[in-house]
Amino acid sequence: MRGSYFLILELKRDKKIKNWKLRKGFYLYVGSGMKGLENRVLRHLRKRKRKFWHIDYLTSDKDCKPIFVILRLESEKKECKYARKFIEFANGIKGFGCSDCNCYSHLFYFRELNSCMEAVSKVLKDEN
């Protein structure tokens, strides 16, 4: 499978992950898997893994819990397009998950789960 994914996580307490100070709350990570989407997402859901991407440091933390994963099957890479839309609804964590593109962020903070789900709904509705 090829496409984009939205990983919704809950961080149970304030943390410093690499250079980022993350607050307790909900986070939305936007990514893509153009060769094995399902394996990419399953990797993110594992606690034990070699840390390679920024998101690995967050998802392997004991206080980080996956809440939802939304897959979008697509033939072209759209993660940056989605990330640029999410910045309208949430605070982006500057430089997180975007070292290979010119986006502000691919990780977005929400105090409440409902706000996060509403943002996902709006972005996906705009895409259809």
C-alpha atoms as a PDB file:
ATOM      1  CA  MET A   1       0.000   0.000   0.000  1.00  0.00           C
ATOM      2  CA  ARG A   2       1.036   3.579  -0.704  1.00  0.00           C
ATOM      3  CA  GLY A   3      -0.276   6.754   0.837  1.00  0.00           C
ATOM      4  CA  SER A   4      -0.408   9.130   3.777  1.00  0.00           C
ATOM      5  CA  TYR A   5      -1.175   8.554   7.412  1.00  0.00           C
ATOM      6  CA  PHE A   6      -2.284  10.578  10.391  1.00  0.00           C
ATOM      7  CA  LEU A   7      -1.025   9.293  13.716  1.00  0.00           C
ATOM      8  CA  ILE A   8      -2.847  10.662  16.751  1.00  0.00           C
ATOM      9  CA  LEU A   9      -0.959  10.318  20.014  1.00  0.00           C
ATOM     10  CA  GLU A  10      -1.539  11.224  23.626  1.00  0.00           C
ATOM     11  CA  LEU A  11       1.400  12.447  25.683  1.00  0.00           C
ATOM     12  CA  LYS A  12       0.626  11.831  29.340  1.00  0.00           C
ATOM     13  CA  ARG A  13       3.046  14.448  30.754  1.00  0.00           C
ATOM     14  CA  ASP A  14       5.288  17.287  29.653  1.00  0.00           C
ATOM     15  CA  LYS A  15       8.480  16.020  28.007  1.00  0.00           C
ATOM     16  CA  LYS A  16      11.652  17.127  26.353  1.00  0.00           C
ATOM     17  CA  ILE A  17      12.161  14.958  23.270  1.00  0.00           C
ATOM     18  CA  LYS A  18      15.463  15.702  21.546  1.00  0.00           C
ATOM     19  CA  ASN A  19      15.400  19.536  21.190  1.00  0.00           C
ATOM     20  CA  TRP A  20      11.634  19.939  21.532  1.00  0.00           C
ATOM     21  CA  LYS A  21       9.678  20.733  24.675  1.00  0.00           C
ATOM     22  CA  LEU A  22       6.339  18.975  24.312  1.00  0.00           C
ATOM     23  CA  ARG A  23       3.356  19.637  26.529  1.00  0.00           C
ATOM     24  CA  LYS A  24       0.977  17.073  27.899  1.00  0.00           C
ATOM     25  CA  GLY A  25      -1.900  16.632  25.451  1.00  0.00           C
ATOM     26  CA  PHE A  26      -2.632  15.262  22.016  1.00  0.00           C
ATOM     27  CA  TYR A  27      -0.415  15.282  18.964  1.00  0.00           C
ATOM     28  CA  LEU A  28      -1.124  14.675  15.329  1.00  0.00           C
ATOM     29  CA  TYR A  29       1.737  13.462  13.177  1.00  0.00           C
ATOM     30  CA  VAL A  30       1.446  13.534   9.378  1.00  0.00           C
ATOM     31  CA  GLY A  31       3.546  11.115   7.389  1.00  0.00           C
ATOM     32  CA  SER A  32       3.623   9.004   4.270  1.00  0.00           C
ATOM     33  CA  GLY A  33       4.663   5.555   3.199  1.00  0.00           C
ATOM     34  CA  MET A  34       5.132   5.236  -0.513  1.00  0.00           C
ATOM     35  CA  LYS A  35       6.667   1.779  -0.186  1.00  0.00           C
ATOM     36  CA  GLY A  36       4.868  -0.184   2.488  1.00  0.00           C
ATOM     37  CA  LEU A  37       2.496   2.205   4.219  1.00  0.00           C
ATOM     38  CA  GLU A  38       1.301  -0.468   6.634  1.00  0.00           C
ATOM     39  CA  ASN A  39       4.834  -1.382   7.726  1.00  0.00           C
ATOM     40  CA  ARG A  40       5.703   2.261   8.322  1.00  0.00           C
ATOM     41  CA  VAL A  41       2.690   2.748  10.585  1.00  0.00           C
ATOM     42  CA  LEU A  42       3.215  -0.532  12.432  1.00  0.00           C
ATOM     43  CA  ARG A  43       6.794   0.527  13.106  1.00  0.00           C
ATOM     44  CA  HIS A  44       5.589   3.785  14.649  1.00  0.00           C
ATOM     45  CA  LEU A  45       3.252   1.857  16.943  1.00  0.00           C
ATOM     46  CA  ARG A  46       6.077  -0.293  18.378  1.00  0.00           C
ATOM     47  CA  LYS A  47       7.771   0.976  21.534  1.00  0.00           C
ATOM     48  CA  ARG A  48      11.056  -0.809  20.888  1.00  0.00           C
ATOM     49  CA  LYS A  49      12.824   0.222  17.705  1.00  0.00           C
ATOM     50  CA  ARG A  50      15.984   1.836  16.448  1.00  0.00           C
ATOM     51  CA  LYS A  51      15.414   5.582  16.567  1.00  0.00           C
ATOM     52  CA  PHE A  52      15.806   6.955  13.064  1.00  0.00           C
ATOM     53  CA  TRP A  53      13.074   9.568  12.486  1.00  0.00           C
ATOM     54  CA  HIS A  54      12.010  12.350  14.865  1.00  0.00           C
ATOM     55  CA  ILE A  55       8.703  10.576  15.475  1.00  0.00           C
ATOM     56  CA  ASP A  56      10.568   7.476  16.746  1.00  0.00           C
ATOM     57  CA  TYR A  57      11.757   9.428  19.783  1.00  0.00           C
ATOM     58  CA  LEU A  58       8.199  10.399  20.651  1.00  0.00           C
ATOM     59  CA  THR A  59       6.438   7.103  19.921  1.00  0.00           C
ATOM     60  CA  SER A  60       8.997   5.057  21.869  1.00  0.00           C
ATOM     61  CA  ASP A  61       8.557   7.187  25.001  1.00  0.00           C
ATOM     62  CA  LYS A  62       6.759   5.413  27.858  1.00  0.00           C
ATOM     63  CA  ASP A  63       4.385   8.366  28.321  1.00  0.00           C
ATOM     64  CA  CYS A  64       3.266   8.418  24.684  1.00  0.00           C
ATOM     65  CA  LYS A  65       0.195   6.400  23.773  1.00  0.00           C
ATOM     66  CA  PRO A  66      -1.222   5.901  20.258  1.00  0.00           C
ATOM     67  CA  ILE A  67      -4.922   6.800  20.051  1.00  0.00           C
ATOM     68  CA  PHE A  68      -5.858   6.561  16.347  1.00  0.00           C
ATOM     69  CA  VAL A  69      -4.253   5.912  13.012  1.00  0.00           C
ATOM     70  CA  ILE A  70      -5.932   7.120   9.850  1.00  0.00           C
ATOM     71  CA  LEU A  71      -4.658   5.798   6.530  1.00  0.00           C
ATOM     72  CA  ARG A  72      -5.237   7.472   3.215  1.00  0.00           C
ATOM     73  CA  LEU A  73      -4.416   5.335   0.190  1.00  0.00           C
ATOM     74  CA  GLU A  74      -2.879   7.590  -2.454  1.00  0.00           C
ATOM     75  CA  SER A  75      -0.569   7.148  -5.392  1.00  0.00           C
ATOM     76  CA  GLU A  76       1.249  10.437  -4.783  1.00  0.00           C
ATOM     77  CA  LYS A  77       3.005  11.791  -1.694  1.00  0.00           C
ATOM     78  CA  LYS A  78       0.754  14.389  -0.014  1.00  0.00           C
ATOM     79  CA  GLU A  79       2.065  14.593   3.546  1.00  0.00           C
ATOM     80  CA  CYS A  80       3.442  18.122   3.062  1.00  0.00           C
ATOM     81  CA  LYS A  81       0.160  19.310   1.572  1.00  0.00           C
ATOM     82  CA  TYR A  82      -1.661  17.988   4.655  1.00  0.00           C
ATOM     83  CA  ALA A  83       0.930  19.462   7.040  1.00  0.00           C
ATOM     84  CA  ARG A  84       0.449  22.913   5.498  1.00  0.00           C
ATOM     85  CA  LYS A  85      -3.301  22.614   6.101  1.00  0.00           C
ATOM     86  CA  PHE A  86      -2.994  21.468   9.732  1.00  0.00           C
ATOM     87  CA  ILE A  87      -0.997  24.571  10.626  1.00  0.00           C
ATOM     88  CA  GLU A  88      -4.309  26.468  10.244  1.00  0.00           C
ATOM     89  CA  PHE A  89      -5.862  24.467  13.111  1.00  0.00           C
ATOM     90  CA  ALA A  90      -3.051  23.804  15.577  1.00  0.00           C
ATOM     91  CA  ASN A  91       0.351  24.769  16.881  1.00  0.00           C
ATOM     92  CA  GLY A  92       3.030  23.069  14.838  1.00  0.00           C
ATOM     93  CA  ILE A  93       6.162  21.888  16.594  1.00  0.00           C
ATOM     94  CA  LYS A  94       8.772  23.779  14.555  1.00  0.00           C
ATOM     95  CA  GLY A  95      11.106  21.509  12.605  1.00  0.00           C
ATOM     96  CA  PHE A  96       9.614  18.228  13.836  1.00  0.00           C
ATOM     97  CA  GLY A  97       9.367  15.561  11.168  1.00  0.00           C
ATOM     98  CA  CYS A  98      10.300  17.842   8.303  1.00  0.00           C
ATOM     99  CA  SER A  99      14.064  17.700   7.954  1.00  0.00           C
ATOM    100  CA  ASP A 100      13.674  16.510   4.346  1.00  0.00           C
ATOM    101  CA  CYS A 101      11.188  19.207   3.234  1.00  0.00           C
ATOM    102  CA  ASN A 102      10.534  22.910   3.786  1.00  0.00           C
ATOM    103  CA  CYS A 103       7.403  22.541   5.938  1.00  0.00           C
ATOM    104  CA  TYR A 104       7.153  24.270   9.293  1.00  0.00           C
ATOM    105  CA  SER A 105       6.196  20.995  10.997  1.00  0.00           C
ATOM    106  CA  HIS A 106       4.661  17.568  10.584  1.00  0.00           C
ATOM    107  CA  LEU A 107       3.684  17.359  14.278  1.00  0.00           C
ATOM    108  CA  PHE A 108       0.792  19.400  15.680  1.00  0.00           C
ATOM    109  CA  TYR A 109      -0.308  19.987  19.268  1.00  0.00           C
ATOM    110  CA  PHE A 110      -3.896  19.926  20.564  1.00  0.00           C
ATOM    111  CA  ARG A 111      -4.973  20.302  24.185  1.00  0.00           C
ATOM    112  CA  GLU A 112      -8.061  18.178  23.574  1.00  0.00           C
ATOM    113  CA  LEU A 113      -8.719  15.091  21.475  1.00  0.00           C
ATOM    114  CA  ASN A 114     -11.952  16.546  20.068  1.00  0.00           C
ATOM    115  CA  SER A 115     -10.081  19.532  18.596  1.00  0.00           C
ATOM    116  CA  CYS A 116      -7.625  17.179  16.953  1.00  0.00           C
ATOM    117  CA  MET A 117     -10.365  15.013  15.446  1.00  0.00           C
ATOM    118  CA  GLU A 118     -12.223  18.100  14.172  1.00  0.00           C
ATOM    119  CA  ALA A 119      -9.058  19.323  12.438  1.00  0.00           C
ATOM    120  CA  VAL A 120      -8.541  15.937  10.777  1.00  0.00           C
ATOM    121  CA  SER A 121     -12.157  15.913   9.654  1.00  0.00           C
ATOM    122  CA  LYS A 122     -11.878  19.402   8.126  1.00  0.00           C
ATOM    123  CA  VAL A 123      -8.615  18.689   6.320  1.00  0.00           C
ATOM    124  CA  LEU A 124      -9.883  15.409   4.877  1.00  0.00           C
ATOM    125  CA  LYS A 125     -13.213  16.968   3.890  1.00  0.00           C
ATOM    126  CA  ASP A 126     -11.367  19.715   2.002  1.00  0.00           C
ATOM    127  CA  GLU A 127      -9.361  17.048   0.211  1.00  0.00           C
ATOM    128  CA  ASN A 128     -12.423  15.238  -1.181  1.00  0.00           C
END
